[in-house]
C-alpha atoms as a PDB file:
ATOM      1  CA  MET A   1     -43.177 -76.753  54.013  1.00  0.00           C
ATOM      2  CA  ASN A   2     -41.597 -74.688  51.253  1.00  0.00           C
ATOM      3  CA  LEU A   3     -43.610 -72.294  49.095  1.00  0.00           C
ATOM      4  CA  HIS A   4     -41.462 -73.057  46.035  1.00  0.00           C
ATOM      5  CA  GLY A   5     -43.183 -75.767  44.013  1.00  0.00           C
ATOM      6  CA  TYR A   6     -46.046 -76.155  46.528  1.00  0.00           C
ATOM      7  CA  LYS A   7     -48.877 -78.428  45.386  1.00  0.00           C
ATOM      8  CA  SER A   8     -52.251 -78.485  47.104  1.00  0.00           C
ATOM      9  CA  SER A   9     -53.442 -81.897  48.296  1.00  0.00           C
ATOM     10  CA  ILE A  10     -57.063 -80.814  48.876  1.00  0.00           C
ATOM     11  CA  PRO A  11     -59.406 -83.177  46.988  1.00  0.00           C
ATOM     12  CA  GLU A  12     -62.073 -82.076  44.536  1.00  0.00           C
ATOM     13  CA  GLN A  13     -65.332 -81.176  46.281  1.00  0.00           C
ATOM     14  CA  GLU A  14     -68.030 -78.523  46.452  1.00  0.00           C
ATOM     15  CA  SER A  15     -69.981 -76.670  49.121  1.00  0.00           C
ATOM     16  CA  GLY A  16     -72.586 -74.011  48.493  1.00  0.00           C
ATOM     17  CA  GLU A  17     -71.411 -71.791  45.641  1.00  0.00           C
ATOM     18  CA  TRP A  18     -67.800 -72.987  45.892  1.00  0.00           C
ATOM     19  CA  LYS A  19     -65.832 -75.793  44.261  1.00  0.00           C
ATOM     20  CA  ILE A  20     -62.313 -77.117  44.531  1.00  0.00           C
ATOM     21  CA  LYS A  21     -61.311 -78.386  41.108  1.00  0.00           C
ATOM     22  CA  LYS A  22     -58.258 -80.034  39.613  1.00  0.00           C
ATOM     23  CA  PHE A  23     -57.155 -78.940  36.144  1.00  0.00           C
ATOM     24  CA  GLU A  24     -54.470 -79.784  33.625  1.00  0.00           C
ATOM     25  CA  VAL A  25     -52.338 -77.354  31.632  1.00  0.00           C
ATOM     26  CA  SER A  26     -50.886 -78.829  28.451  1.00  0.00           C
ATOM     27  CA  LYS A  27     -47.690 -77.645  26.799  1.00  0.00           C
ATOM     28  CA  ASP A  28     -49.714 -75.896  24.074  1.00  0.00           C
ATOM     29  CA  ASP A  29     -52.005 -74.254  26.639  1.00  0.00           C
ATOM     30  CA  ALA A  30     -48.988 -72.991  28.580  1.00  0.00           C
ATOM     31  CA  GLU A  31     -47.342 -71.586  25.459  1.00  0.00           C
ATOM     32  CA  ARG A  32     -50.516 -69.730  24.402  1.00  0.00           C
ATOM     33  CA  PHE A  33     -51.078 -68.327  27.882  1.00  0.00           C
ATOM     34  CA  ASN A  34     -47.448 -67.296  28.328  1.00  0.00           C
ATOM     35  CA  PHE A  35     -47.451 -65.523  24.964  1.00  0.00           C
ATOM     36  CA  SER A  36     -50.532 -63.541  26.005  1.00  0.00           C
ATOM     37  CA  GLN A  37     -48.842 -62.546  29.276  1.00  0.00           C
ATOM     38  CA  LEU A  38     -45.715 -61.485  27.388  1.00  0.00           C
ATOM     39  CA  PHE A  39     -47.878 -59.399  25.045  1.00  0.00           C
ATOM     40  CA  ASN A  40     -49.498 -57.761  28.109  1.00  0.00           C
ATOM     41  CA  PHE A  41     -46.054 -57.050  29.638  1.00  0.00           C
ATOM     42  CA  HIS A  42     -46.504 -59.595  32.449  1.00  0.00           C
ATOM     43  CA  PRO A  43     -44.030 -62.413  31.631  1.00  0.00           C
ATOM     44  CA  GLU A  44     -43.691 -63.094  35.371  1.00  0.00           C
ATOM     45  CA  ARG A  45     -47.258 -64.484  35.348  1.00  0.00           C
ATOM     46  CA  SER A  46     -46.302 -67.408  33.116  1.00  0.00           C
ATOM     47  CA  ILE A  47     -47.424 -70.966  33.786  1.00  0.00           C
ATOM     48  CA  LEU A  48     -45.812 -74.385  33.374  1.00  0.00           C
ATOM     49  CA  PRO A  49     -47.523 -77.493  31.965  1.00  0.00           C
ATOM     50  CA  GLY A  50     -48.822 -79.741  34.746  1.00  0.00           C
ATOM     51  CA  SER A  51     -51.633 -80.544  37.183  1.00  0.00           C
ATOM     52  CA  TYR A  52     -53.054 -77.825  39.432  1.00  0.00           C
ATOM     53  CA  THR A  53     -55.765 -77.191  42.025  1.00  0.00           C
ATOM     54  CA  SER A  54     -58.158 -74.236  41.964  1.00  0.00           C
ATOM     55  CA  LEU A  55     -60.776 -72.641  44.208  1.00  0.00           C
ATOM     56  CA  VAL A  56     -63.747 -71.573  42.088  1.00  0.00           C
ATOM     57  CA  HIS A  57     -66.881 -69.546  42.871  1.00  0.00           C
ATOM     58  CA  SER A  58     -70.015 -70.157  40.765  1.00  0.00           C
ATOM     59  CA  SER A  59     -70.425 -66.489  39.780  1.00  0.00           C
ATOM     60  CA  ILE A  60     -66.965 -64.963  40.354  1.00  0.00           C
ATOM     61  CA  GLY A  61     -64.935 -67.728  38.741  1.00  0.00           C
ATOM     62  CA  MET A  62     -61.462 -68.828  39.849  1.00  0.00           C
ATOM     63  CA  MET A  63     -60.410 -67.194  43.122  1.00  0.00           C
ATOM     64  CA  MET A  64     -56.987 -68.782  43.361  1.00  0.00           C
ATOM     65  CA  SER A  65     -54.841 -71.742  42.337  1.00  0.00           C
ATOM     66  CA  ASP A  66     -51.472 -73.301  43.081  1.00  0.00           C
ATOM     67  CA  THR A  67     -49.946 -72.215  39.766  1.00  0.00           C
ATOM     68  CA  PRO A  68     -46.360 -70.860  39.831  1.00  0.00           C
ATOM     69  CA  ALA A  69     -47.465 -67.248  39.257  1.00  0.00           C
ATOM     70  CA  GLU A  70     -49.799 -67.315  42.253  1.00  0.00           C
ATOM     71  CA  LEU A  71     -47.137 -68.895  44.436  1.00  0.00           C
ATOM     72  CA  ARG A  72     -44.705 -66.149  43.398  1.00  0.00           C
ATOM     73  CA  ASP A  73     -47.279 -63.562  44.498  1.00  0.00           C
ATOM     74  CA  HIS A  74     -46.814 -64.797  48.089  1.00  0.00           C
ATOM     75  CA  PHE A  75     -42.994 -64.903  48.149  1.00  0.00           C
ATOM     76  CA  ARG A  76     -42.649 -61.471  49.793  1.00  0.00           C
ATOM     77  CA  CYS A  77     -45.073 -62.460  52.557  1.00  0.00           C
ATOM     78  CA  TYR A  78     -43.204 -65.741  53.078  1.00  0.00           C
ATOM     79  CA  TYR A  79     -39.881 -63.896  53.249  1.00  0.00           C
ATOM     80  CA  GLU A  80     -41.143 -61.258  55.710  1.00  0.00           C
ATOM     81  CA  ALA A  81     -43.116 -63.628  57.961  1.00  0.00           C
ATOM     82  CA  HIS A  82     -42.020 -63.861  61.601  1.00  0.00           C
ATOM     83  CA  GLY A  83     -43.615 -63.963  65.035  1.00  0.00           C
ATOM     84  CA  ASP A  84     -47.414 -63.875  64.975  1.00  0.00           C
ATOM     85  CA  VAL A  85     -48.903 -63.746  61.476  1.00  0.00           C
ATOM     86  CA  LEU A  86     -52.433 -62.771  60.438  1.00  0.00           C
ATOM     87  CA  ILE A  87     -53.789 -63.575  56.969  1.00  0.00           C
ATOM     88  CA  ASN A  88     -57.030 -62.197  55.536  1.00  0.00           C
ATOM     89  CA  GLY A  89     -58.396 -64.702  53.022  1.00  0.00           C
ATOM     90  CA  LEU A  90     -57.999 -68.482  53.310  1.00  0.00           C
ATOM     91  CA  GLY A  91     -58.156 -69.534  49.666  1.00  0.00           C
ATOM     92  CA  LEU A  92     -56.566 -72.988  49.398  1.00  0.00           C
ATOM     93  CA  GLY A  93     -54.608 -72.349  52.594  1.00  0.00           C
ATOM     94  CA  ILE A  94     -51.297 -72.327  50.700  1.00  0.00           C
ATOM     95  CA  ILE A  95     -49.467 -69.445  52.364  1.00  0.00           C
ATOM     96  CA  ALA A  96     -50.852 -70.356  55.810  1.00  0.00           C
ATOM     97  CA  GLU A  97     -49.574 -73.944  55.510  1.00  0.00           C
ATOM     98  CA  CYS A  98     -46.147 -72.840  54.382  1.00  0.00           C
ATOM     99  CA  LEU A  99     -45.815 -70.240  57.149  1.00  0.00           C
ATOM    100  CA  VAL A 100     -46.884 -72.470  60.034  1.00  0.00           C
ATOM    101  CA  ASP A 101     -43.744 -74.594  59.422  1.00  0.00           C
ATOM    102  CA  LYS A 102     -41.373 -71.630  59.143  1.00  0.00           C
ATOM    103  CA  ASP A 103     -38.930 -71.480  62.087  1.00  0.00           C
ATOM    104  CA  SER A 104     -39.318 -67.719  62.545  1.00  0.00           C
ATOM    105  CA  VAL A 105     -43.130 -67.931  62.805  1.00  0.00           C
ATOM    106  CA  ASP A 106     -44.836 -68.484  66.171  1.00  0.00           C
ATOM    107  CA  SER A 107     -48.490 -68.558  65.093  1.00  0.00           C
ATOM    108  CA  VAL A 108     -50.675 -68.242  62.005  1.00  0.00           C
ATOM    109  CA  THR A 109     -54.238 -66.900  62.163  1.00  0.00           C
ATOM    110  CA  VAL A 110     -56.566 -66.641  59.155  1.00  0.00           C
ATOM    111  CA  ASN A 111     -59.767 -64.651  58.713  1.00  0.00           C
ATOM    112  CA  GLU A 112     -62.119 -66.122  56.085  1.00  0.00           C
ATOM    113  CA  ILE A 113     -65.561 -64.665  55.436  1.00  0.00           C
ATOM    114  CA  ASP A 114     -67.108 -67.724  53.749  1.00  0.00           C
ATOM    115  CA  SER A 115     -67.954 -70.757  55.887  1.00  0.00           C
ATOM    116  CA  ASP A 116     -68.143 -73.035  52.827  1.00  0.00           C
ATOM    117  CA  VAL A 117     -64.501 -72.307  51.972  1.00  0.00           C
ATOM    118  CA  ILE A 118     -63.514 -73.122  55.557  1.00  0.00           C
ATOM    119  CA  LYS A 119     -65.562 -76.322  55.449  1.00  0.00           C
ATOM    120  CA  MET A 120     -63.724 -77.557  52.345  1.00  0.00           C
ATOM    121  CA  VAL A 121     -60.191 -76.419  53.174  1.00  0.00           C
ATOM    122  CA  GLN A 122     -59.681 -76.631  56.948  1.00  0.00           C
ATOM    123  CA  PRO A 123     -59.812 -80.446  57.289  1.00  0.00           C
ATOM    124  CA  HIS A 124     -56.982 -80.807  54.762  1.00  0.00           C
ATOM    125  CA  ILE A 125     -54.446 -78.286  56.063  1.00  0.00           C
ATOM    126  CA  ASP A 126     -52.271 -78.073  59.175  1.00  0.00           C
ATOM    127  CA  GLN A 127     -54.477 -77.994  62.271  1.00  0.00           C
ATOM    128  CA  ARG A 128     -52.150 -75.546  64.032  1.00  0.00           C
ATOM    129  CA  ILE A 129     -53.570 -72.821  61.778  1.00  0.00           C
ATOM    130  CA  ILE A 130     -56.222 -70.779  63.628  1.00  0.00           C
ATOM    131  CA  ILE A 131     -59.167 -69.977  61.329  1.00  0.00           C
ATOM    132  CA  ASN A 132     -61.834 -67.379  62.127  1.00  0.00           C
ATOM    133  CA  ASN A 133     -65.073 -67.200  60.141  1.00  0.00           C
ATOM    134  CA  ALA A 134     -64.878 -63.415  59.888  1.00  0.00           C
ATOM    135  CA  ASP A 135     -65.007 -60.437  57.513  1.00  0.00           C
ATOM    136  CA  ALA A 136     -61.589 -58.758  57.179  1.00  0.00           C
ATOM    137  CA  LEU A 137     -63.265 -55.359  56.833  1.00  0.00           C
ATOM    138  CA  THR A 138     -65.050 -55.553  60.204  1.00  0.00           C
ATOM    139  CA  TRP A 139     -63.067 -58.074  62.315  1.00  0.00           C
ATOM    140  CA  LYS A 140     -61.249 -56.908  65.429  1.00  0.00           C
ATOM    141  CA  PRO A 141     -58.732 -58.914  67.497  1.00  0.00           C
ATOM    142  CA  ILE A 142     -59.770 -59.807  71.030  1.00  0.00           C
ATOM    143  CA  ASN A 143     -57.875 -59.105  74.259  1.00  0.00           C
ATOM    144  CA  GLY A 144     -55.539 -56.606  72.596  1.00  0.00           C
ATOM    145  CA  THR A 145     -53.855 -59.215  70.386  1.00  0.00           C
ATOM    146  CA  ARG A 146     -51.296 -57.769  67.969  1.00  0.00           C
ATOM    147  CA  TYR A 147     -49.383 -59.200  65.021  1.00  0.00           C
ATOM    148  CA  ASN A 148     -45.916 -58.911  63.516  1.00  0.00           C
ATOM    149  CA  VAL A 149     -47.074 -59.590  59.962  1.00  0.00           C
ATOM    150  CA  VAL A 150     -50.436 -59.033  58.243  1.00  0.00           C
ATOM    151  CA  TRP A 151     -51.172 -60.241  54.702  1.00  0.00           C
ATOM    152  CA  HIS A 152     -54.372 -59.340  52.821  1.00  0.00           C
ATOM    153  CA  ASP A 153     -55.520 -61.673  50.028  1.00  0.00           C
ATOM    154  CA  ILE A 154     -59.285 -61.266  49.596  1.00  0.00           C
ATOM    155  CA  TRP A 155     -59.616 -60.329  45.898  1.00  0.00           C
ATOM    156  CA  PRO A 156     -60.345 -62.643  42.928  1.00  0.00           C
ATOM    157  CA  GLU A 157     -58.086 -60.747  40.512  1.00  0.00           C
ATOM    158  CA  ILE A 158     -55.392 -58.086  40.375  1.00  0.00           C
ATOM    159  CA  ASN A 159     -57.273 -54.911  39.556  1.00  0.00           C
ATOM    160  CA  ALA A 160     -56.727 -51.204  40.242  1.00  0.00           C
ATOM    161  CA  ASP A 161     -60.282 -51.135  41.606  1.00  0.00           C
ATOM    162  CA  ASN A 162     -58.927 -52.968  44.680  1.00  0.00           C
ATOM    163  CA  TYR A 163     -56.638 -50.075  45.605  1.00  0.00           C
ATOM    164  CA  ASP A 164     -59.068 -48.168  47.831  1.00  0.00           C
ATOM    165  CA  GLU A 165     -59.938 -51.328  49.759  1.00  0.00           C
ATOM    166  CA  MET A 166     -56.240 -52.086  50.210  1.00  0.00           C
ATOM    167  CA  LYS A 167     -55.639 -48.622  51.674  1.00  0.00           C
ATOM    168  CA  LEU A 168     -58.571 -49.131  54.048  1.00  0.00           C
ATOM    169  CA  LEU A 169     -57.252 -52.511  55.232  1.00  0.00           C
ATOM    170  CA  HIS A 170     -53.701 -51.226  55.718  1.00  0.00           C
ATOM    171  CA  ARG A 171     -54.955 -48.326  57.843  1.00  0.00           C
ATOM    172  CA  ARG A 172     -57.267 -50.567  59.840  1.00  0.00           C
ATOM    173  CA  TYR A 173     -54.738 -53.313  60.576  1.00  0.00           C
ATOM    174  CA  GLY A 174     -51.917 -50.864  61.160  1.00  0.00           C
ATOM    175  CA  HIS A 175     -53.417 -50.405  64.653  1.00  0.00           C
ATOM    176  CA  TRP A 176     -52.773 -54.073  65.455  1.00  0.00           C
ATOM    177  CA  LEU A 177     -49.123 -54.376  64.467  1.00  0.00           C
ATOM    178  CA  LYS A 178     -46.359 -54.897  67.023  1.00  0.00           C
ATOM    179  CA  GLY A 179     -42.574 -54.906  67.298  1.00  0.00           C
ATOM    180  CA  THR A 180     -40.729 -55.451  64.042  1.00  0.00           C
ATOM    181  CA  HIS A 181     -43.599 -55.671  61.592  1.00  0.00           C
ATOM    182  CA  TRP A 182     -44.653 -55.794  57.950  1.00  0.00           C
ATOM    183  CA  GLN A 183     -47.998 -55.531  56.168  1.00  0.00           C
ATOM    184  CA  GLY A 184     -48.794 -56.355  52.539  1.00  0.00           C
ATOM    185  CA  SER A 185     -51.594 -57.018  50.044  1.00  0.00           C
ATOM    186  CA  TRP A 186     -51.845 -59.459  47.158  1.00  0.00           C
ATOM    187  CA  GLY A 187     -51.181 -57.700  43.846  1.00  0.00           C
ATOM    188  CA  LYS A 188     -50.367 -54.315  45.408  1.00  0.00           C
ATOM    189  CA  ASP A 189     -47.097 -53.854  43.505  1.00  0.00           C
ATOM    190  CA  TYR A 190     -48.795 -54.562  40.162  1.00  0.00           C
ATOM    191  CA  ILE A 191     -51.583 -52.122  40.976  1.00  0.00           C
ATOM    192  CA  PHE A 192     -49.156 -49.376  42.033  1.00  0.00           C
ATOM    193  CA  LYS A 193     -47.266 -49.846  38.767  1.00  0.00           C
ATOM    194  CA  GLU A 194     -50.495 -49.692  36.759  1.00  0.00           C
ATOM    195  CA  LEU A 195     -51.646 -46.531  38.518  1.00  0.00           C
ATOM    196  CA  ARG A 196     -48.256 -44.852  38.054  1.00  0.00           C
ATOM    197  CA  GLU A 197     -48.278 -45.663  34.331  1.00  0.00           C
ATOM    198  CA  GLU A 198     -51.842 -44.366  34.058  1.00  0.00           C
ATOM    199  CA  ARG A 199     -50.939 -41.083  35.751  1.00  0.00           C
ATOM    200  CA  GLU A 200     -47.854 -40.707  33.536  1.00  0.00           C
ATOM    201  CA  SER A 201     -49.930 -41.322  30.403  1.00  0.00           C
ATOM    202  CA  GLU A 202     -52.433 -38.694  31.499  1.00  0.00           C
ATOM    203  CA  ARG A 203     -49.594 -36.220  32.167  1.00  0.00           C
ATOM    204  CA  ILE A 204     -48.082 -36.749  28.707  1.00  0.00           C
ATOM    205  CA  TYR A 205     -51.477 -36.553  27.055  1.00  0.00           C
ATOM    206  CA  SER A 206     -52.273 -33.277  28.825  1.00  0.00           C
ATOM    207  CA  MET A 207     -48.964 -31.790  27.572  1.00  0.00           C
ATOM    208  CA  PHE A 208     -49.950 -32.441  23.966  1.00  0.00           C
ATOM    209  CA  ARG A 209     -53.416 -30.924  24.486  1.00  0.00           C
ATOM    210  CA  ARG A 210     -51.955 -27.537  25.488  1.00  0.00           C
END
């Protein structure tokens, strides 16, 4: 299954504080949203008119969707994936489903902290995907299992506040990598860019205060 143009087939439903919802984006909606992203210097987060699926929490809001921008966020993971892959965060199961069919991938394991998300998603995705009901921040592999690729996707939005947690996860899971390996986090490149720009702005501002 290819990540390009992926569309979730999970039906609308709800469990606990979670819902899977379908939504439509009209041409006008897409144009307004894309203009706002261009204004915020993020044209790569544009959307196309069409039908989409989302995972929504009652208090957090939308956690993820199968919109083009969110699919693009996983391209690097898809490209790097080989051997045994571990994913933290199930979401709609998009990246896990696409990876389990990739020739270079031997196994896909997912850690998901919320049992309601598992209950809604697992019956509708490839059953070869191993899903653990576990917290990414405390989980440990059993019997010395190691992975070639680890992907962290546990945050509802791209925010610099996630940076410290990303560093913690990368250090923690770095102990369980093997052979030729790669580790990444959703939104990390955007956050690094934001932090660099923030530091540069502070440097320039301090020069003018002297």
